[in-house]
Amino acid sequence: MLTASVSGDIFASPSAKQILACIQLAAFHAAPAQQPRDVLIVINNYTGDRLNFGRAVEQARALHPALRVTSVLVADDVSLLARPSMVGPRGLGGNIFVCKVLGAYAAAGGTLDRAKALGDAPVANVRSVGVALGHCRIPGRDDPSADDGGIPPSQVELGLGLHNEPGVRRAPLSALRRDARHGSPPEMTASERTGKGMLRKRIFERMAEGRA
């Protein structure tokens, strides 16, 4: 599905140095130095990731003028749309769809420009909201109790982030099925509920036009 992947410490973005090494591996492994592979990077929308991946892309372009590298930014979380944010929606489950689509397209010999358009199309239309039974636990540490901010056994947290960022609210576990039937998180706008969460026909129109 992916040519290469890079991760940082727990709850932290990889460094720009690590990301640059990953880009170089994807571009130059078993490839002529004068003809590196094109590289498309899939980034989840978090502050640290955007900063470090952005720096690494700039460094790669400066070090290797023949290298073509661009990125797709995944931002599908809609649980906190009503709250002001400098970064915007977080990247969550939509990342899997984007990686699957782009991995298949790249394996079929697609071009970088069309892969970029094909990645941006689902990003613009996929929406998600997380529901958590508990916080992500750092190995070697105990789960936080309810008194320490942990989620009680009888509740779930809507919109909890991948790194334990606070969600939008907590609700009884018994209400989970009712919320699922409702089909939209509590702070989703009317425009979000009426179709932005589905892949639209324009993704196919782009492909028919040769732009995806």
N, C-alpha and C. Protein backbone atom coordinates (compact mmCIF):
# COMPACT_ATOMS: atom_id res chain seq x y z
N MET A 1 0.83 -1.20 0.00
CA MET A 1 0.00 0.00 0.00
C MET A 1 0.87 1.25 0.00
N LEU A 2 1.92 1.28 0.82
CA LEU A 2 2.84 2.41 0.88
C LEU A 2 4.25 1.95 0.55
N THR A 3 5.02 2.82 -0.08
CA THR A 3 6.42 2.51 -0.34
C THR A 3 7.25 2.64 0.93
N ALA A 4 6.93 3.62 1.77
CA ALA A 4 7.68 3.85 3.01
C ALA A 4 6.78 4.55 4.01
N SER A 5 7.12 4.43 5.28
CA SER A 5 6.36 5.08 6.34
C SER A 5 7.33 5.51 7.43
N VAL A 6 7.01 6.61 8.11
CA VAL A 6 7.87 7.11 9.18
C VAL A 6 7.01 7.53 10.35
N SER A 7 7.46 7.23 11.56
CA SER A 7 6.71 7.60 12.76
C SER A 7 7.66 8.17 13.79
N GLY A 8 7.12 9.01 14.67
CA GLY A 8 7.91 9.59 15.74
C GLY A 8 7.71 8.85 17.04
N ASP A 9 8.10 9.50 18.14
CA ASP A 9 7.84 8.93 19.45
C ASP A 9 6.34 8.94 19.73
N ILE A 10 5.93 8.31 20.80
CA ILE A 10 4.52 8.25 21.16
C ILE A 10 3.97 9.67 21.32
N PHE A 11 2.87 9.94 20.62
CA PHE A 11 2.19 11.24 20.64
C PHE A 11 3.04 12.37 20.07
N ALA A 12 4.02 12.04 19.22
CA ALA A 12 4.88 13.08 18.66
C ALA A 12 5.11 12.83 17.17
N SER A 13 5.24 13.91 16.43
CA SER A 13 5.54 13.80 15.01
C SER A 13 6.97 13.33 14.81
N PRO A 14 7.26 12.61 13.73
CA PRO A 14 8.67 12.35 13.39
C PRO A 14 9.38 13.66 13.10
N SER A 15 10.67 13.66 13.29
CA SER A 15 11.45 14.86 13.03
C SER A 15 11.59 15.08 11.53
N ALA A 16 11.94 16.30 11.15
CA ALA A 16 12.16 16.60 9.73
C ALA A 16 13.30 15.75 9.18
N LYS A 17 14.31 15.47 10.00
CA LYS A 17 15.43 14.63 9.56
C LYS A 17 14.95 13.21 9.25
N GLN A 18 14.11 12.65 10.11
CA GLN A 18 13.57 11.31 9.86
C GLN A 18 12.72 11.28 8.61
N ILE A 19 11.89 12.30 8.43
CA ILE A 19 11.01 12.36 7.27
C ILE A 19 11.82 12.50 5.99
N LEU A 20 12.87 13.32 6.02
CA LEU A 20 13.73 13.48 4.85
C LEU A 20 14.37 12.14 4.46
N ALA A 21 14.83 11.39 5.46
CA ALA A 21 15.42 10.08 5.17
C ALA A 21 14.39 9.14 4.54
N CYS A 22 13.14 9.23 4.99
CA CYS A 22 12.07 8.41 4.42
C CYS A 22 11.78 8.80 2.97
N ILE A 23 11.75 10.10 2.70
CA ILE A 23 11.53 10.57 1.33
C ILE A 23 12.65 10.08 0.42
N GLN A 24 13.89 10.17 0.89
CA GLN A 24 15.03 9.74 0.08
C GLN A 24 14.98 8.24 -0.18
N LEU A 25 14.57 7.47 0.83
CA LEU A 25 14.44 6.03 0.66
C LEU A 25 13.40 5.70 -0.42
N ALA A 26 12.25 6.37 -0.34
CA ALA A 26 11.19 6.12 -1.32
C ALA A 26 11.60 6.54 -2.73
N ALA A 27 12.38 7.60 -2.82
CA ALA A 27 12.72 8.15 -4.13
C ALA A 27 13.91 7.45 -4.79
N PHE A 28 14.90 7.04 -4.00
CA PHE A 28 16.16 6.61 -4.58
C PHE A 28 16.49 5.14 -4.40
N HIS A 29 15.78 4.41 -3.57
CA HIS A 29 16.11 3.00 -3.38
C HIS A 29 15.92 2.23 -4.69
N ALA A 30 17.01 1.60 -5.14
CA ALA A 30 16.99 0.81 -6.38
C ALA A 30 16.55 1.63 -7.58
N ALA A 31 16.85 2.93 -7.55
CA ALA A 31 16.53 3.81 -8.68
C ALA A 31 17.77 4.60 -9.05
N PRO A 32 17.97 4.95 -10.32
CA PRO A 32 19.12 5.75 -10.71
C PRO A 32 19.11 7.11 -10.01
N ALA A 33 20.27 7.57 -9.58
CA ALA A 33 20.35 8.84 -8.85
C ALA A 33 19.84 10.01 -9.69
N GLN A 34 20.00 9.91 -11.01
CA GLN A 34 19.56 11.00 -11.88
C GLN A 34 18.07 10.91 -12.20
N GLN A 35 17.44 9.79 -11.87
CA GLN A 35 16.02 9.61 -12.17
C GLN A 35 15.28 9.08 -10.94
N PRO A 36 15.16 9.91 -9.91
CA PRO A 36 14.45 9.45 -8.70
C PRO A 36 12.97 9.27 -8.98
N ARG A 37 12.33 8.42 -8.20
CA ARG A 37 10.89 8.25 -8.31
C ARG A 37 10.19 9.51 -7.80
N ASP A 38 9.02 9.81 -8.34
CA ASP A 38 8.18 10.86 -7.77
C ASP A 38 7.66 10.37 -6.42
N VAL A 39 7.47 11.31 -5.48
CA VAL A 39 7.04 10.95 -4.13
C VAL A 39 5.80 11.77 -3.76
N LEU A 40 4.75 11.08 -3.35
CA LEU A 40 3.54 11.72 -2.83
C LEU A 40 3.41 11.35 -1.36
N ILE A 41 3.34 12.35 -0.50
CA ILE A 41 3.31 12.13 0.94
C ILE A 41 1.89 12.34 1.46
N VAL A 42 1.42 11.42 2.29
CA VAL A 42 0.11 11.54 2.92
C VAL A 42 0.33 11.98 4.36
N ILE A 43 -0.24 13.14 4.73
CA ILE A 43 0.00 13.74 6.05
C ILE A 43 -1.32 13.89 6.78
N ASN A 44 -1.35 13.49 8.03
CA ASN A 44 -2.51 13.78 8.88
C ASN A 44 -2.42 15.21 9.40
N ASN A 45 -3.55 15.88 9.50
CA ASN A 45 -3.57 17.29 9.84
C ASN A 45 -3.39 17.53 11.34
N TYR A 46 -2.15 17.54 11.75
CA TYR A 46 -1.76 17.93 13.12
C TYR A 46 -0.62 18.93 13.01
N THR A 47 -0.51 19.82 13.98
CA THR A 47 0.45 20.92 13.89
C THR A 47 1.88 20.42 13.69
N GLY A 48 2.33 19.48 14.54
CA GLY A 48 3.69 18.99 14.44
C GLY A 48 3.97 18.30 13.12
N ASP A 49 3.00 17.51 12.65
CA ASP A 49 3.18 16.82 11.37
C ASP A 49 3.30 17.82 10.22
N ARG A 50 2.44 18.82 10.22
CA ARG A 50 2.48 19.79 9.12
C ARG A 50 3.81 20.54 9.11
N LEU A 51 4.30 20.93 10.28
CA LEU A 51 5.56 21.67 10.35
C LEU A 51 6.73 20.81 9.89
N ASN A 52 6.85 19.61 10.44
CA ASN A 52 8.02 18.78 10.16
C ASN A 52 8.00 18.19 8.76
N PHE A 53 6.83 17.77 8.30
CA PHE A 53 6.75 17.26 6.93
C PHE A 53 7.00 18.39 5.93
N GLY A 54 6.48 19.58 6.23
CA GLY A 54 6.72 20.72 5.34
C GLY A 54 8.19 21.05 5.23
N ARG A 55 8.90 21.05 6.36
CA ARG A 55 10.34 21.32 6.35
C ARG A 55 11.08 20.24 5.56
N ALA A 56 10.69 18.99 5.76
CA ALA A 56 11.38 17.89 5.08
C ALA A 56 11.19 17.97 3.57
N VAL A 57 9.99 18.32 3.12
CA VAL A 57 9.74 18.45 1.69
C VAL A 57 10.60 19.56 1.10
N GLU A 58 10.69 20.69 1.79
CA GLU A 58 11.53 21.79 1.31
C GLU A 58 13.00 21.36 1.22
N GLN A 59 13.47 20.64 2.23
CA GLN A 59 14.86 20.18 2.23
C GLN A 59 15.11 19.19 1.10
N ALA A 60 14.15 18.29 0.87
CA ALA A 60 14.31 17.31 -0.20
C ALA A 60 14.40 17.99 -1.56
N ARG A 61 13.56 18.99 -1.77
CA ARG A 61 13.59 19.70 -3.04
C ARG A 61 14.90 20.46 -3.23
N ALA A 62 15.43 21.02 -2.12
CA ALA A 62 16.69 21.76 -2.22
C ALA A 62 17.88 20.83 -2.47
N LEU A 63 17.86 19.67 -1.83
CA LEU A 63 18.97 18.73 -1.97
C LEU A 63 18.94 17.98 -3.30
N HIS A 64 17.74 17.76 -3.83
CA HIS A 64 17.59 16.93 -5.02
C HIS A 64 16.70 17.65 -6.04
N PRO A 65 17.27 18.54 -6.83
CA PRO A 65 16.45 19.32 -7.78
C PRO A 65 15.66 18.47 -8.75
N ALA A 66 16.12 17.27 -9.04
CA ALA A 66 15.41 16.41 -9.99
C ALA A 66 14.23 15.68 -9.36
N LEU A 67 14.11 15.77 -8.05
CA LEU A 67 13.06 15.04 -7.34
C LEU A 67 11.74 15.81 -7.37
N ARG A 68 10.67 15.13 -7.74
CA ARG A 68 9.33 15.72 -7.68
C ARG A 68 8.61 15.14 -6.46
N VAL A 69 8.24 16.00 -5.54
CA VAL A 69 7.59 15.56 -4.31
C VAL A 69 6.47 16.53 -3.95
N THR A 70 5.34 16.00 -3.59
CA THR A 70 4.20 16.82 -3.15
C THR A 70 3.45 16.04 -2.07
N SER A 71 2.35 16.60 -1.58
CA SER A 71 1.69 15.98 -0.44
C SER A 71 0.17 16.11 -0.53
N VAL A 72 -0.51 15.24 0.22
CA VAL A 72 -1.96 15.29 0.42
C VAL A 72 -2.19 15.40 1.91
N LEU A 73 -2.98 16.38 2.33
CA LEU A 73 -3.25 16.62 3.75
C LEU A 73 -4.62 16.07 4.11
N VAL A 74 -4.67 15.09 5.01
CA VAL A 74 -5.93 14.45 5.40
C VAL A 74 -6.51 15.18 6.61
N ALA A 75 -7.76 15.64 6.50
CA ALA A 75 -8.41 16.41 7.57
C ALA A 75 -9.90 16.07 7.57
N ASP A 76 -10.25 14.93 8.16
CA ASP A 76 -11.63 14.44 8.03
C ASP A 76 -12.46 14.55 9.30
N ASP A 77 -11.87 14.85 10.45
CA ASP A 77 -12.61 14.87 11.72
C ASP A 77 -13.55 16.07 11.76
N VAL A 78 -14.83 15.82 12.00
CA VAL A 78 -15.82 16.91 12.04
C VAL A 78 -16.39 17.13 13.43
N SER A 79 -15.85 16.48 14.45
CA SER A 79 -16.45 16.55 15.78
C SER A 79 -16.29 17.92 16.41
N LEU A 80 -15.28 18.70 15.99
CA LEU A 80 -15.01 19.98 16.64
C LEU A 80 -15.18 21.16 15.69
N LEU A 81 -16.02 21.00 14.67
CA LEU A 81 -16.16 22.07 13.68
C LEU A 81 -16.66 23.37 14.29
N ALA A 82 -17.46 23.29 15.34
CA ALA A 82 -18.04 24.50 15.92
C ALA A 82 -17.04 25.24 16.80
N ARG A 83 -15.86 24.65 17.05
CA ARG A 83 -14.87 25.29 17.89
C ARG A 83 -13.77 25.90 17.03
N PRO A 84 -13.32 27.12 17.35
CA PRO A 84 -12.27 27.74 16.55
C PRO A 84 -10.97 26.95 16.62
N SER A 85 -10.28 26.84 15.49
CA SER A 85 -9.03 26.09 15.43
C SER A 85 -8.14 26.70 14.37
N MET A 86 -6.85 26.87 14.69
CA MET A 86 -5.89 27.39 13.72
C MET A 86 -5.47 26.31 12.73
N VAL A 87 -5.58 25.06 13.13
CA VAL A 87 -5.11 23.95 12.29
C VAL A 87 -6.22 23.41 11.41
N GLY A 88 -7.45 23.38 11.95
CA GLY A 88 -8.57 22.82 11.21
C GLY A 88 -8.85 21.39 11.63
N PRO A 89 -9.71 20.69 10.91
CA PRO A 89 -10.08 19.32 11.28
C PRO A 89 -8.87 18.40 11.35
N ARG A 90 -8.88 17.52 12.33
CA ARG A 90 -7.78 16.57 12.48
C ARG A 90 -7.90 15.45 11.45
N GLY A 91 -6.78 14.81 11.17
CA GLY A 91 -6.78 13.64 10.30
C GLY A 91 -7.03 12.39 11.11
N LEU A 92 -8.07 11.63 10.73
CA LEU A 92 -8.41 10.40 11.47
C LEU A 92 -8.53 9.23 10.49
N GLY A 93 -9.67 8.56 10.50
CA GLY A 93 -9.86 7.37 9.69
C GLY A 93 -9.80 7.58 8.20
N GLY A 94 -10.01 8.82 7.76
CA GLY A 94 -9.94 9.11 6.33
C GLY A 94 -8.59 8.78 5.73
N ASN A 95 -7.56 8.77 6.57
CA ASN A 95 -6.21 8.46 6.10
C ASN A 95 -6.15 7.10 5.44
N ILE A 96 -6.89 6.12 5.99
CA ILE A 96 -6.85 4.76 5.44
C ILE A 96 -7.39 4.75 4.01
N PHE A 97 -8.52 5.44 3.77
CA PHE A 97 -9.08 5.49 2.43
C PHE A 97 -8.10 6.11 1.44
N VAL A 98 -7.48 7.21 1.84
CA VAL A 98 -6.56 7.91 0.96
C VAL A 98 -5.36 7.03 0.63
N CYS A 99 -4.80 6.37 1.64
CA CYS A 99 -3.64 5.49 1.39
C CYS A 99 -4.00 4.32 0.49
N LYS A 100 -5.18 3.74 0.69
CA LYS A 100 -5.60 2.61 -0.14
C LYS A 100 -5.77 3.04 -1.60
N VAL A 101 -6.46 4.15 -1.80
CA VAL A 101 -6.71 4.63 -3.16
C VAL A 101 -5.40 4.98 -3.86
N LEU A 102 -4.56 5.74 -3.18
CA LEU A 102 -3.31 6.19 -3.80
C LEU A 102 -2.33 5.04 -3.98
N GLY A 103 -2.31 4.09 -3.04
CA GLY A 103 -1.43 2.95 -3.19
C GLY A 103 -1.79 2.12 -4.41
N ALA A 104 -3.09 1.89 -4.61
CA ALA A 104 -3.53 1.13 -5.77
C ALA A 104 -3.23 1.87 -7.07
N TYR A 105 -3.46 3.19 -7.05
CA TYR A 105 -3.23 3.97 -8.26
C TYR A 105 -1.74 4.01 -8.61
N ALA A 106 -0.89 4.20 -7.60
CA ALA A 106 0.56 4.23 -7.85
C ALA A 106 1.05 2.88 -8.35
N ALA A 107 0.52 1.79 -7.78
CA ALA A 107 0.93 0.45 -8.22
C ALA A 107 0.56 0.20 -9.68
N ALA A 108 -0.48 0.88 -10.15
CA ALA A 108 -0.91 0.73 -11.54
C ALA A 108 -0.11 1.62 -12.49
N GLY A 109 0.85 2.38 -11.94
CA GLY A 109 1.70 3.21 -12.79
C GLY A 109 1.20 4.62 -13.02
N GLY A 110 0.37 5.14 -12.10
CA GLY A 110 -0.17 6.48 -12.27
C GLY A 110 0.88 7.57 -12.13
N THR A 111 0.55 8.77 -12.60
CA THR A 111 1.47 9.90 -12.53
C THR A 111 1.28 10.67 -11.23
N LEU A 112 2.28 11.47 -10.87
CA LEU A 112 2.23 12.22 -9.62
C LEU A 112 1.10 13.24 -9.63
N ASP A 113 0.92 13.97 -10.71
CA ASP A 113 -0.11 15.00 -10.75
C ASP A 113 -1.50 14.41 -10.61
N ARG A 114 -1.75 13.30 -11.28
CA ARG A 114 -3.06 12.66 -11.18
C ARG A 114 -3.25 12.03 -9.80
N ALA A 115 -2.18 11.48 -9.23
CA ALA A 115 -2.28 10.92 -7.88
C ALA A 115 -2.62 12.01 -6.87
N LYS A 116 -2.02 13.17 -7.02
CA LYS A 116 -2.32 14.30 -6.12
C LYS A 116 -3.80 14.68 -6.21
N ALA A 117 -4.33 14.78 -7.43
CA ALA A 117 -5.75 15.13 -7.61
C ALA A 117 -6.64 14.04 -7.05
N LEU A 118 -6.26 12.79 -7.26
CA LEU A 118 -7.06 11.68 -6.77
C LEU A 118 -7.04 11.62 -5.25
N GLY A 119 -5.94 12.02 -4.62
CA GLY A 119 -5.88 12.06 -3.17
C GLY A 119 -6.67 13.22 -2.58
N ASP A 120 -6.63 14.36 -3.23
CA ASP A 120 -7.35 15.53 -2.73
C ASP A 120 -8.86 15.37 -2.80
N ALA A 121 -9.35 14.57 -3.77
CA ALA A 121 -10.79 14.43 -3.94
C ALA A 121 -11.46 13.77 -2.74
N PRO A 122 -10.99 12.61 -2.25
CA PRO A 122 -11.62 12.05 -1.05
C PRO A 122 -11.40 12.91 0.18
N VAL A 123 -10.24 13.55 0.29
CA VAL A 123 -9.99 14.43 1.43
C VAL A 123 -11.06 15.51 1.52
N ALA A 124 -11.48 16.03 0.38
CA ALA A 124 -12.48 17.10 0.35
C ALA A 124 -13.87 16.61 0.69
N ASN A 125 -14.08 15.30 0.71
CA ASN A 125 -15.43 14.77 0.88
C ASN A 125 -15.62 13.81 2.04
N VAL A 126 -14.57 13.16 2.49
CA VAL A 126 -14.69 12.20 3.59
C VAL A 126 -14.77 12.93 4.92
N ARG A 127 -15.72 12.52 5.78
CA ARG A 127 -15.88 13.09 7.11
C ARG A 127 -15.97 11.96 8.13
N SER A 128 -15.44 12.17 9.31
CA SER A 128 -15.49 11.14 10.34
C SER A 128 -15.61 11.79 11.72
N VAL A 129 -15.99 10.97 12.69
CA VAL A 129 -15.99 11.39 14.09
C VAL A 129 -15.61 10.18 14.92
N GLY A 130 -14.69 10.38 15.86
CA GLY A 130 -14.22 9.28 16.69
C GLY A 130 -15.09 9.10 17.92
N VAL A 131 -15.25 7.85 18.34
CA VAL A 131 -15.94 7.51 19.58
C VAL A 131 -15.00 6.60 20.36
N ALA A 132 -14.64 6.99 21.58
CA ALA A 132 -13.64 6.26 22.35
C ALA A 132 -14.22 5.70 23.65
N LEU A 133 -13.84 4.47 23.96
CA LEU A 133 -14.18 3.86 25.24
C LEU A 133 -13.15 4.18 26.30
N GLY A 134 -11.97 4.59 25.88
CA GLY A 134 -10.92 4.92 26.83
C GLY A 134 -9.81 5.69 26.15
N HIS A 135 -8.91 6.27 26.94
CA HIS A 135 -7.79 7.02 26.40
C HIS A 135 -6.72 6.07 25.87
N CYS A 136 -5.96 6.55 24.91
CA CYS A 136 -4.80 5.81 24.45
C CYS A 136 -3.78 5.77 25.59
N ARG A 137 -3.26 4.59 25.89
CA ARG A 137 -2.40 4.42 27.05
C ARG A 137 -0.94 4.32 26.62
N ILE A 138 -0.08 5.09 27.25
CA ILE A 138 1.35 5.00 27.01
C ILE A 138 1.89 3.75 27.69
N PRO A 139 2.61 2.90 26.97
CA PRO A 139 3.13 1.66 27.58
C PRO A 139 3.92 1.94 28.86
N GLY A 140 3.64 1.16 29.90
CA GLY A 140 4.32 1.33 31.17
C GLY A 140 3.60 2.24 32.14
N ARG A 141 2.52 2.85 31.69
CA ARG A 141 1.74 3.73 32.56
C ARG A 141 0.34 3.15 32.74
N ASP A 142 -0.23 3.39 33.90
CA ASP A 142 -1.58 2.92 34.18
C ASP A 142 -2.61 3.79 33.47
N ASP A 143 -3.76 3.21 33.18
CA ASP A 143 -4.86 4.00 32.62
C ASP A 143 -5.31 5.04 33.64
N PRO A 144 -5.60 6.28 33.21
CA PRO A 144 -6.08 7.28 34.15
C PRO A 144 -7.45 6.92 34.70
N SER A 145 -7.65 7.18 35.96
CA SER A 145 -8.96 6.92 36.56
C SER A 145 -9.92 8.03 36.16
N ALA A 146 -11.21 7.83 36.47
CA ALA A 146 -12.22 8.85 36.17
C ALA A 146 -11.90 10.14 36.90
N ASP A 147 -11.34 10.04 38.11
CA ASP A 147 -10.99 11.24 38.88
C ASP A 147 -9.82 11.98 38.24
N ASP A 148 -8.99 11.28 37.48
CA ASP A 148 -7.83 11.90 36.82
C ASP A 148 -8.11 12.27 35.37
N GLY A 149 -9.35 12.27 34.99
CA GLY A 149 -9.71 12.64 33.62
C GLY A 149 -9.97 11.47 32.70
N GLY A 150 -9.88 10.24 33.22
CA GLY A 150 -10.16 9.08 32.38
C GLY A 150 -11.65 8.94 32.10
N ILE A 151 -11.99 8.13 31.11
CA ILE A 151 -13.38 7.92 30.73
C ILE A 151 -13.97 6.81 31.60
N PRO A 152 -15.04 7.08 32.33
CA PRO A 152 -15.66 6.04 33.16
C PRO A 152 -16.13 4.85 32.31
N PRO A 153 -16.18 3.66 32.90
CA PRO A 153 -16.58 2.45 32.14
C PRO A 153 -17.96 2.56 31.52
N SER A 154 -18.83 3.36 32.09
CA SER A 154 -20.20 3.44 31.57
C SER A 154 -20.38 4.53 30.52
N GLN A 155 -19.29 5.20 30.10
CA GLN A 155 -19.40 6.31 29.18
C GLN A 155 -18.48 6.14 27.97
N VAL A 156 -18.74 6.93 26.93
CA VAL A 156 -17.86 7.06 25.77
C VAL A 156 -17.58 8.54 25.57
N GLU A 157 -16.50 8.84 24.87
CA GLU A 157 -16.17 10.23 24.56
C GLU A 157 -16.23 10.43 23.05
N LEU A 158 -17.04 11.39 22.62
CA LEU A 158 -17.19 11.70 21.21
C LEU A 158 -16.14 12.71 20.78
N GLY A 159 -15.42 12.39 19.72
CA GLY A 159 -14.45 13.33 19.18
C GLY A 159 -13.09 13.30 19.83
N LEU A 160 -12.80 12.28 20.63
CA LEU A 160 -11.47 12.18 21.24
C LEU A 160 -10.42 12.05 20.16
N GLY A 161 -9.31 12.79 20.29
CA GLY A 161 -8.25 12.77 19.29
C GLY A 161 -7.34 11.56 19.41
N LEU A 162 -6.54 11.33 18.37
CA LEU A 162 -5.60 10.20 18.38
C LEU A 162 -4.60 10.29 19.52
N HIS A 163 -4.28 11.48 19.94
CA HIS A 163 -3.28 11.68 20.98
C HIS A 163 -3.93 12.08 22.30
N ASN A 164 -5.17 11.66 22.50
CA ASN A 164 -5.94 11.99 23.71
C ASN A 164 -6.36 13.45 23.79
N GLU A 165 -6.38 14.14 22.65
CA GLU A 165 -6.93 15.51 22.69
C GLU A 165 -8.40 15.43 23.11
N PRO A 166 -8.85 16.39 23.91
CA PRO A 166 -10.23 16.33 24.41
C PRO A 166 -11.25 16.27 23.27
N GLY A 167 -12.31 15.49 23.49
CA GLY A 167 -13.38 15.41 22.53
C GLY A 167 -14.41 16.49 22.76
N VAL A 168 -15.56 16.35 22.10
CA VAL A 168 -16.59 17.37 22.19
C VAL A 168 -17.48 17.16 23.43
N ARG A 169 -17.75 15.91 23.80
CA ARG A 169 -18.53 15.63 24.99
C ARG A 169 -18.48 14.15 25.31
N ARG A 170 -18.94 13.80 26.49
CA ARG A 170 -19.08 12.41 26.89
C ARG A 170 -20.55 12.05 26.98
N ALA A 171 -20.83 10.78 26.74
CA ALA A 171 -22.22 10.32 26.74
C ALA A 171 -22.28 8.92 27.32
N PRO A 172 -23.43 8.52 27.85
CA PRO A 172 -23.56 7.15 28.35
C PRO A 172 -23.32 6.12 27.25
N LEU A 173 -22.69 5.03 27.61
CA LEU A 173 -22.45 3.97 26.64
C LEU A 173 -23.74 3.45 26.04
N SER A 174 -24.80 3.48 26.82
CA SER A 174 -26.10 3.00 26.33
C SER A 174 -26.66 3.86 25.22
N ALA A 175 -26.17 5.11 25.12
CA ALA A 175 -26.69 6.02 24.08
C ALA A 175 -25.92 5.90 22.78
N LEU A 176 -24.88 5.05 22.75
CA LEU A 176 -24.03 4.96 21.56
C LEU A 176 -24.81 4.52 20.34
N ARG A 177 -25.67 3.51 20.50
CA ARG A 177 -26.44 3.03 19.36
C ARG A 177 -27.38 4.10 18.85
N ARG A 178 -27.98 4.88 19.74
CA ARG A 178 -28.88 5.94 19.30
C ARG A 178 -28.11 6.99 18.51
N ASP A 179 -26.90 7.37 18.97
CA ASP A 179 -26.10 8.35 18.25
C ASP A 179 -25.70 7.83 16.87
N ALA A 180 -25.40 6.52 16.79
CA ALA A 180 -25.02 5.94 15.51
C ALA A 180 -26.19 6.01 14.53
N ARG A 181 -27.41 5.75 15.02
CA ARG A 181 -28.58 5.83 14.14
C ARG A 181 -28.81 7.26 13.69
N HIS A 182 -28.46 8.22 14.55
CA HIS A 182 -28.65 9.62 14.19
C HIS A 182 -27.79 10.00 13.01
N GLY A 183 -26.59 9.40 12.94
CA GLY A 183 -25.77 9.53 11.74
C GLY A 183 -24.93 10.78 11.66
N SER A 184 -24.89 11.62 12.67
CA SER A 184 -24.04 12.80 12.63
C SER A 184 -23.64 13.19 14.03
N PRO A 185 -22.40 13.69 14.22
CA PRO A 185 -21.96 14.11 15.53
C PRO A 185 -22.71 15.34 16.01
N PRO A 186 -22.69 15.66 17.30
CA PRO A 186 -23.53 16.71 17.86
C PRO A 186 -23.26 18.10 17.33
N GLU A 187 -22.03 18.37 16.85
CA GLU A 187 -21.73 19.73 16.41
C GLU A 187 -21.58 19.83 14.89
N MET A 188 -22.03 18.82 14.15
CA MET A 188 -21.94 18.87 12.70
C MET A 188 -22.96 19.86 12.15
N THR A 189 -22.53 20.66 11.20
CA THR A 189 -23.42 21.66 10.63
C THR A 189 -24.40 21.03 9.67
N ALA A 190 -25.42 21.80 9.29
CA ALA A 190 -26.43 21.29 8.37
C ALA A 190 -25.81 20.91 7.03
N SER A 191 -24.86 21.72 6.55
CA SER A 191 -24.24 21.42 5.27
C SER A 191 -23.44 20.14 5.33
N GLU A 192 -22.82 19.85 6.48
CA GLU A 192 -22.08 18.61 6.61
C GLU A 192 -23.02 17.41 6.58
N ARG A 193 -24.21 17.55 7.18
CA ARG A 193 -25.13 16.42 7.28
C ARG A 193 -25.78 16.09 5.94
N THR A 194 -25.76 17.04 4.99
CA THR A 194 -26.52 16.83 3.75
C THR A 194 -25.67 16.35 2.60
N GLY A 195 -24.52 15.75 2.89
CA GLY A 195 -23.83 15.08 1.79
C GLY A 195 -22.34 15.26 1.68
N LYS A 196 -21.74 16.16 2.47
CA LYS A 196 -20.31 16.34 2.34
C LYS A 196 -19.53 15.12 2.79
N GLY A 197 -20.16 14.25 3.52
CA GLY A 197 -19.46 13.07 4.01
C GLY A 197 -19.39 11.94 3.01
N MET A 198 -19.84 12.14 1.78
CA MET A 198 -19.83 11.07 0.78
C MET A 198 -18.97 11.48 -0.41
N LEU A 199 -18.33 10.50 -1.01
CA LEU A 199 -17.58 10.77 -2.24
C LEU A 199 -18.55 11.17 -3.34
N ARG A 200 -18.29 12.30 -3.95
CA ARG A 200 -19.21 12.80 -4.96
C ARG A 200 -18.78 12.42 -6.36
N LYS A 201 -19.67 12.66 -7.29
CA LYS A 201 -19.39 12.20 -8.64
C LYS A 201 -18.23 12.95 -9.28
N ARG A 202 -17.79 14.07 -8.68
CA ARG A 202 -16.71 14.80 -9.32
C ARG A 202 -15.39 14.03 -9.32
N ILE A 203 -15.24 13.09 -8.37
CA ILE A 203 -14.02 12.28 -8.39
C ILE A 203 -13.97 11.45 -9.67
N PHE A 204 -15.14 10.96 -10.11
CA PHE A 204 -15.20 10.18 -11.34
C PHE A 204 -15.11 11.10 -12.57
N GLU A 205 -15.67 12.31 -12.43
CA GLU A 205 -15.57 13.25 -13.54
C GLU A 205 -14.11 13.62 -13.80
N ARG A 206 -13.35 13.79 -12.70
CA ARG A 206 -11.93 14.11 -12.85
C ARG A 206 -11.18 12.97 -13.55
N MET A 207 -11.52 11.75 -13.16
CA MET A 207 -10.86 10.61 -13.78
C MET A 207 -11.20 10.53 -15.26
N ALA A 208 -12.47 10.80 -15.60
CA ALA A 208 -12.89 10.76 -17.00
C ALA A 208 -12.19 11.83 -17.82
N GLU A 209 -11.89 12.95 -17.17
CA GLU A 209 -11.22 14.05 -17.86
C GLU A 209 -9.71 13.86 -17.91
N GLY A 210 -9.22 12.79 -17.28
CA GLY A 210 -7.78 12.55 -17.26
C GLY A 210 -7.04 13.37 -16.27
N ARG A 211 -7.74 13.91 -15.24
CA ARG A 211 -7.08 14.73 -14.23
C ARG A 211 -6.94 14.00 -12.91
N ALA A 212 -7.32 12.75 -12.83
CA ALA A 212 -7.19 11.99 -11.60
C ALA A 212 -6.85 10.54 -11.93
